[in-house]
Amino acid sequence: MTRNMGAIDRAIRIIAAVALLYAAFATDLTGGGLVQVAAVLVAAVFALTAAAGHCPLYRIVGLRTCRRG
């Protein structure tokens, strides 16, 4: 996999993943059930793509937020 995510993009995804996990487990914001599961799944996708530095959706649409080189 070729990296297609820059450092700022990756940091935003990590912050979003932490916020979603907090909302899913530490608050009643999600209401539990399906919304809680969806929040955890989206957080997992954000965390995994940030760790890998590669977003499959970016590849499909031809987007690249990292420096070339």
PDB file of N, CA and C in Angstrom:
ATOM      1  N   MET A   1       0.828  -1.181   0.000  1.00  0.00           N
ATOM      2  CA  MET A   1       0.000   0.000   0.000  1.00  0.00           C
ATOM      3  C   MET A   1       0.873   1.246   0.000  1.00  0.00           C
ATOM      4  N   THR A   2       0.583   2.130  -0.894  1.00  0.00           N
ATOM      5  CA  THR A   2       1.276   3.402  -0.965  1.00  0.00           C
ATOM      6  C   THR A   2       0.553   4.408  -0.083  1.00  0.00           C
ATOM      7  N   ARG A   3       1.314   5.150   0.678  1.00  0.00           N
ATOM      8  CA  ARG A   3       0.701   6.161   1.549  1.00  0.00           C
ATOM      9  C   ARG A   3       0.044   7.243   0.707  1.00  0.00           C
ATOM     10  N   ASN A   4      -1.149   7.633   1.123  1.00  0.00           N
ATOM     11  CA  ASN A   4      -1.834   8.720   0.443  1.00  0.00           C
ATOM     12  C   ASN A   4      -2.444   9.712   1.438  1.00  0.00           C
ATOM     13  N   MET A   5      -2.008   9.627   2.700  1.00  0.00           N
ATOM     14  CA  MET A   5      -2.511  10.519   3.742  1.00  0.00           C
ATOM     15  C   MET A   5      -1.348  11.263   4.390  1.00  0.00           C
ATOM     16  N   GLY A   6      -1.505  12.566   4.522  1.00  0.00           N
ATOM     17  CA  GLY A   6      -0.498  13.387   5.166  1.00  0.00           C
ATOM     18  C   GLY A   6      -0.618  13.349   6.682  1.00  0.00           C
ATOM     19  N   ALA A   7       0.339  13.975   7.349  1.00  0.00           N
ATOM     20  CA  ALA A   7       0.395  13.957   8.813  1.00  0.00           C
ATOM     21  C   ALA A   7      -0.812  14.645   9.450  1.00  0.00           C
ATOM     22  N   ILE A   8      -1.246  15.756   8.892  1.00  0.00           N
ATOM     23  CA  ILE A   8      -2.401  16.464   9.460  1.00  0.00           C
ATOM     24  C   ILE A   8      -3.658  15.626   9.301  1.00  0.00           C
ATOM     25  N   ASP A   9      -3.834  15.037   8.147  1.00  0.00           N
ATOM     26  CA  ASP A   9      -4.987  14.168   7.892  1.00  0.00           C
ATOM     27  C   ASP A   9      -5.005  12.999   8.877  1.00  0.00           C
ATOM     28  N   ARG A  10      -3.849  12.409   9.094  1.00  0.00           N
ATOM     29  CA  ARG A  10      -3.757  11.280  10.024  1.00  0.00           C
ATOM     30  C   ARG A  10      -4.064  11.715  11.451  1.00  0.00           C
ATOM     31  N   ALA A  11      -3.565  12.873  11.852  1.00  0.00           N
ATOM     32  CA  ALA A  11      -3.829  13.380  13.204  1.00  0.00           C
ATOM     33  C   ALA A  11      -5.316  13.661  13.410  1.00  0.00           C
ATOM     34  N   ILE A  12      -5.956  14.233  12.406  1.00  0.00           N
ATOM     35  CA  ILE A  12      -7.395  14.503  12.497  1.00  0.00           C
ATOM     36  C   ILE A  12      -8.174  13.207  12.648  1.00  0.00           C
ATOM     37  N   ARG A  13      -7.768  12.178  11.929  1.00  0.00           N
ATOM     38  CA  ARG A  13      -8.462  10.889  12.039  1.00  0.00           C
ATOM     39  C   ARG A  13      -8.276  10.261  13.423  1.00  0.00           C
ATOM     40  N   ILE A  14      -7.095  10.390  13.990  1.00  0.00           N
ATOM     41  CA  ILE A  14      -6.860   9.855  15.339  1.00  0.00           C
ATOM     42  C   ILE A  14      -7.727  10.597  16.351  1.00  0.00           C
ATOM     43  N   ILE A  15      -7.770  11.918  16.239  1.00  0.00           N
ATOM     44  CA  ILE A  15      -8.601  12.713  17.152  1.00  0.00           C
ATOM     45  C   ILE A  15     -10.071  12.335  16.993  1.00  0.00           C
ATOM     46  N   ALA A  16     -10.523  12.175  15.758  1.00  0.00           N
ATOM     47  CA  ALA A  16     -11.913  11.792  15.513  1.00  0.00           C
ATOM     48  C   ALA A  16     -12.209  10.403  16.070  1.00  0.00           C
ATOM     49  N   ALA A  17     -11.260   9.484  15.937  1.00  0.00           N
ATOM     50  CA  ALA A  17     -11.454   8.129  16.459  1.00  0.00           C
ATOM     51  C   ALA A  17     -11.583   8.146  17.977  1.00  0.00           C
ATOM     52  N   VAL A  18     -10.726   8.901  18.638  1.00  0.00           N
ATOM     53  CA  VAL A  18     -10.791   9.002  20.100  1.00  0.00           C
ATOM     54  C   VAL A  18     -12.116   9.635  20.525  1.00  0.00           C
ATOM     55  N   ALA A  19     -12.542  10.677  19.822  1.00  0.00           N
ATOM     56  CA  ALA A  19     -13.808  11.343  20.152  1.00  0.00           C
ATOM     57  C   ALA A  19     -14.993  10.402  19.963  1.00  0.00           C
ATOM     58  N   LEU A  20     -14.981   9.620  18.899  1.00  0.00           N
ATOM     59  CA  LEU A  20     -16.068   8.664  18.669  1.00  0.00           C
ATOM     60  C   LEU A  20     -16.092   7.577  19.732  1.00  0.00           C
ATOM     61  N   LEU A  21     -14.926   7.086  20.109  1.00  0.00           N
ATOM     62  CA  LEU A  21     -14.878   6.069  21.163  1.00  0.00           C
ATOM     63  C   LEU A  21     -15.355   6.639  22.491  1.00  0.00           C
ATOM     64  N   TYR A  22     -14.983   7.867  22.778  1.00  0.00           N
ATOM     65  CA  TYR A  22     -15.455   8.518  24.000  1.00  0.00           C
ATOM     66  C   TYR A  22     -16.978   8.652  23.967  1.00  0.00           C
ATOM     67  N   ALA A  23     -17.503   9.106  22.833  1.00  0.00           N
ATOM     68  CA  ALA A  23     -18.955   9.265  22.707  1.00  0.00           C
ATOM     69  C   ALA A  23     -19.672   7.929  22.829  1.00  0.00           C
ATOM     70  N   ALA A  24     -19.052   6.876  22.324  1.00  0.00           N
ATOM     71  CA  ALA A  24     -19.690   5.562  22.344  1.00  0.00           C
ATOM     72  C   ALA A  24     -19.706   4.939  23.731  1.00  0.00           C
ATOM     73  N   PHE A  25     -18.655   5.153  24.514  1.00  0.00           N
ATOM     74  CA  PHE A  25     -18.543   4.434  25.784  1.00  0.00           C
ATOM     75  C   PHE A  25     -18.700   5.292  27.039  1.00  0.00           C
ATOM     76  N   ALA A  26     -18.331   6.548  26.987  1.00  0.00           N
ATOM     77  CA  ALA A  26     -18.313   7.358  28.205  1.00  0.00           C
ATOM     78  C   ALA A  26     -19.511   8.294  28.340  1.00  0.00           C
ATOM     79  N   THR A  27     -20.329   8.376  27.297  1.00  0.00           N
ATOM     80  CA  THR A  27     -21.487   9.266  27.355  1.00  0.00           C
ATOM     81  C   THR A  27     -22.735   8.516  26.919  1.00  0.00           C
ATOM     82  N   ASP A  28     -23.878   9.144  27.119  1.00  0.00           N
ATOM     83  CA  ASP A  28     -25.137   8.591  26.621  1.00  0.00           C
ATOM     84  C   ASP A  28     -25.516   9.222  25.286  1.00  0.00           C
ATOM     85  N   LEU A  29     -24.574   9.890  24.668  1.00  0.00           N
ATOM     86  CA  LEU A  29     -24.828  10.596  23.424  1.00  0.00           C
ATOM     87  C   LEU A  29     -25.304   9.658  22.317  1.00  0.00           C
ATOM     88  N   THR A  30     -24.730   8.465  22.249  1.00  0.00           N
ATOM     89  CA  THR A  30     -25.085   7.542  21.175  1.00  0.00           C
ATOM     90  C   THR A  30     -26.360   6.774  21.465  1.00  0.00           C
ATOM     91  N   GLY A  31     -26.780   6.698  22.701  1.00  0.00           N
ATOM     92  CA  GLY A  31     -27.998   5.984  23.030  1.00  0.00           C
ATOM     93  C   GLY A  31     -27.839   4.478  23.061  1.00  0.00           C
ATOM     94  N   GLY A  32     -26.656   3.985  22.839  1.00  0.00           N
ATOM     95  CA  GLY A  32     -26.411   2.543  22.883  1.00  0.00           C
ATOM     96  C   GLY A  32     -26.878   1.843  21.620  1.00  0.00           C
ATOM     97  N   GLY A  33     -26.777   0.553  21.627  1.00  0.00           N
ATOM     98  CA  GLY A  33     -27.259  -0.264  20.515  1.00  0.00           C
ATOM     99  C   GLY A  33     -26.506  -0.046  19.223  1.00  0.00           C
ATOM    100  N   LEU A  34     -27.267   0.063  18.148  1.00  0.00           N
ATOM    101  CA  LEU A  34     -26.705   0.140  16.809  1.00  0.00           C
ATOM    102  C   LEU A  34     -25.843   1.391  16.609  1.00  0.00           C
ATOM    103  N   VAL A  35     -26.248   2.493  17.174  1.00  0.00           N
ATOM    104  CA  VAL A  35     -25.469   3.729  17.033  1.00  0.00           C
ATOM    105  C   VAL A  35     -24.110   3.580  17.705  1.00  0.00           C
ATOM    106  N   GLN A  36     -24.080   2.921  18.849  1.00  0.00           N
ATOM    107  CA  GLN A  36     -22.819   2.703  19.558  1.00  0.00           C
ATOM    108  C   GLN A  36     -21.900   1.799  18.740  1.00  0.00           C
ATOM    109  N   VAL A  37     -22.442   0.740  18.173  1.00  0.00           N
ATOM    110  CA  VAL A  37     -21.647  -0.169  17.342  1.00  0.00           C
ATOM    111  C   VAL A  37     -21.113   0.568  16.118  1.00  0.00           C
ATOM    112  N   ALA A  38     -21.946   1.374  15.486  1.00  0.00           N
ATOM    113  CA  ALA A  38     -21.517   2.134  14.311  1.00  0.00           C
ATOM    114  C   ALA A  38     -20.394   3.104  14.670  1.00  0.00           C
ATOM    115  N   ALA A  39     -20.499   3.767  15.815  1.00  0.00           N
ATOM    116  CA  ALA A  39     -19.461   4.707  16.245  1.00  0.00           C
ATOM    117  C   ALA A  39     -18.138   3.988  16.469  1.00  0.00           C
ATOM    118  N   VAL A  40     -18.186   2.814  17.064  1.00  0.00           N
ATOM    119  CA  VAL A  40     -16.969   2.038  17.309  1.00  0.00           C
ATOM    120  C   VAL A  40     -16.360   1.574  15.983  1.00  0.00           C
ATOM    121  N   LEU A  41     -17.188   1.142  15.046  1.00  0.00           N
ATOM    122  CA  LEU A  41     -16.675   0.691  13.748  1.00  0.00           C
ATOM    123  C   LEU A  41     -16.031   1.837  12.972  1.00  0.00           C
ATOM    124  N   VAL A  42     -16.668   2.986  12.959  1.00  0.00           N
ATOM    125  CA  VAL A  42     -16.094   4.143  12.266  1.00  0.00           C
ATOM    126  C   VAL A  42     -14.784   4.560  12.939  1.00  0.00           C
ATOM    127  N   ALA A  43     -14.749   4.535  14.258  1.00  0.00           N
ATOM    128  CA  ALA A  43     -13.517   4.861  14.985  1.00  0.00           C
ATOM    129  C   ALA A  43     -12.401   3.883  14.626  1.00  0.00           C
ATOM    130  N   ALA A  44     -12.737   2.606  14.508  1.00  0.00           N
ATOM    131  CA  ALA A  44     -11.738   1.598  14.144  1.00  0.00           C
ATOM    132  C   ALA A  44     -11.195   1.850  12.740  1.00  0.00           C
ATOM    133  N   VAL A  45     -12.074   2.178  11.808  1.00  0.00           N
ATOM    134  CA  VAL A  45     -11.634   2.466  10.440  1.00  0.00           C
ATOM    135  C   VAL A  45     -10.729   3.696  10.426  1.00  0.00           C
ATOM    136  N   PHE A  46     -11.126   4.746  11.144  1.00  0.00           N
ATOM    137  CA  PHE A  46     -10.287   5.950  11.215  1.00  0.00           C
ATOM    138  C   PHE A  46      -8.915   5.626  11.801  1.00  0.00           C
ATOM    139  N   ALA A  47      -8.885   4.862  12.883  1.00  0.00           N
ATOM    140  CA  ALA A  47      -7.617   4.533  13.537  1.00  0.00           C
ATOM    141  C   ALA A  47      -6.734   3.670  12.638  1.00  0.00           C
ATOM    142  N   LEU A  48      -7.319   2.685  11.982  1.00  0.00           N
ATOM    143  CA  LEU A  48      -6.535   1.803  11.114  1.00  0.00           C
ATOM    144  C   LEU A  48      -5.994   2.538   9.894  1.00  0.00           C
ATOM    145  N   THR A  49      -6.818   3.366   9.266  1.00  0.00           N
ATOM    146  CA  THR A  49      -6.329   4.101   8.101  1.00  0.00           C
ATOM    147  C   THR A  49      -5.271   5.124   8.503  1.00  0.00           C
ATOM    148  N   ALA A  50      -5.427   5.727   9.671  1.00  0.00           N
ATOM    149  CA  ALA A  50      -4.410   6.674  10.146  1.00  0.00           C
ATOM    150  C   ALA A  50      -3.100   5.957  10.434  1.00  0.00           C
ATOM    151  N   ALA A  51      -3.171   4.791  11.048  1.00  0.00           N
ATOM    152  CA  ALA A  51      -1.958   4.028  11.358  1.00  0.00           C
ATOM    153  C   ALA A  51      -1.252   3.571  10.084  1.00  0.00           C
ATOM    154  N   ALA A  52      -2.026   3.172   9.085  1.00  0.00           N
ATOM    155  CA  ALA A  52      -1.448   2.692   7.833  1.00  0.00           C
ATOM    156  C   ALA A  52      -1.007   3.838   6.929  1.00  0.00           C
ATOM    157  N   GLY A  53      -1.622   5.008   7.109  1.00  0.00           N
ATOM    158  CA  GLY A  53      -1.308   6.133   6.233  1.00  0.00           C
ATOM    159  C   GLY A  53      -1.913   5.984   4.856  1.00  0.00           C
ATOM    160  N   HIS A  54      -2.879   5.093   4.742  1.00  0.00           N
ATOM    161  CA  HIS A  54      -3.501   4.805   3.449  1.00  0.00           C
ATOM    162  C   HIS A  54      -5.010   4.728   3.611  1.00  0.00           C
ATOM    163  N   CYS A  55      -5.731   5.463   2.780  1.00  0.00           N
ATOM    164  CA  CYS A  55      -7.188   5.426   2.783  1.00  0.00           C
ATOM    165  C   CYS A  55      -7.657   4.874   1.438  1.00  0.00           C
ATOM    166  N   PRO A  56      -8.334   3.720   1.439  1.00  0.00           N
ATOM    167  CA  PRO A  56      -8.810   3.147   0.179  1.00  0.00           C
ATOM    168  C   PRO A  56      -9.756   4.080  -0.590  1.00  0.00           C
ATOM    169  N   LEU A  57     -10.578   4.828   0.117  1.00  0.00           N
ATOM    170  CA  LEU A  57     -11.498   5.755  -0.547  1.00  0.00           C
ATOM    171  C   LEU A  57     -10.727   6.865  -1.260  1.00  0.00           C
ATOM    172  N   TYR A  58      -9.653   7.339  -0.645  1.00  0.00           N
ATOM    173  CA  TYR A  58      -8.815   8.344  -1.296  1.00  0.00           C
ATOM    174  C   TYR A  58      -8.257   7.794  -2.607  1.00  0.00           C
ATOM    175  N   ARG A  59      -7.877   6.540  -2.602  1.00  0.00           N
ATOM    176  CA  ARG A  59      -7.322   5.931  -3.811  1.00  0.00           C
ATOM    177  C   ARG A  59      -8.370   5.877  -4.916  1.00  0.00           C
ATOM    178  N   ILE A  60      -9.599   5.535  -4.547  1.00  0.00           N
ATOM    179  CA  ILE A  60     -10.679   5.434  -5.531  1.00  0.00           C
ATOM    180  C   ILE A  60     -10.942   6.782  -6.196  1.00  0.00           C
ATOM    181  N   VAL A  61     -10.972   7.846  -5.392  1.00  0.00           N
ATOM    182  CA  VAL A  61     -11.277   9.169  -5.941  1.00  0.00           C
ATOM    183  C   VAL A  61     -10.034   9.928  -6.399  1.00  0.00           C
ATOM    184  N   GLY A  62      -8.852   9.346  -6.211  1.00  0.00           N
ATOM    185  CA  GLY A  62      -7.613   9.960  -6.670  1.00  0.00           C
ATOM    186  C   GLY A  62      -7.109  11.091  -5.796  1.00  0.00           C
ATOM    187  N   LEU A  63      -7.451  11.064  -4.521  1.00  0.00           N
ATOM    188  CA  LEU A  63      -7.037  12.105  -3.584  1.00  0.00           C
ATOM    189  C   LEU A  63      -5.766  11.678  -2.867  1.00  0.00           C
ATOM    190  N   ARG A  64      -4.894  12.654  -2.626  1.00  0.00           N
ATOM    191  CA  ARG A  64      -3.644  12.386  -1.913  1.00  0.00           C
ATOM    192  C   ARG A  64      -3.311  13.609  -1.074  1.00  0.00           C
ATOM    193  N   THR A  65      -3.187  13.431   0.240  1.00  0.00           N
ATOM    194  CA  THR A  65      -2.916  14.564   1.122  1.00  0.00           C
ATOM    195  C   THR A  65      -1.482  14.576   1.644  1.00  0.00           C
ATOM    196  N   CYS A  66      -0.666  13.637   1.218  1.00  0.00           N
ATOM    197  CA  CYS A  66       0.725  13.625   1.676  1.00  0.00           C
ATOM    198  C   CYS A  66       1.632  14.205   0.595  1.00  0.00           C
ATOM    199  N   ARG A  67       2.813  14.567   1.026  1.00  0.00           N
ATOM    200  CA  ARG A  67       3.793  15.093   0.083  1.00  0.00           C
ATOM    201  C   ARG A  67       4.283  13.974  -0.817  1.00  0.00           C
ATOM    202  N   ARG A  68       4.537  14.314  -2.024  1.00  0.00           N
ATOM    203  CA  ARG A  68       5.098  13.326  -2.957  1.00  0.00           C
ATOM    204  C   ARG A  68       6.602  13.272  -2.751  1.00  0.00           C
ATOM    205  N   GLY A  69       7.126  12.077  -2.999  1.00  0.00           N
ATOM    206  CA  GLY A  69       8.567  12.011  -2.866  1.00  0.00           C
ATOM    207  C   GLY A  69       9.081  10.832  -2.215  1.00  0.00           C
TER     208      GLY A  69
END
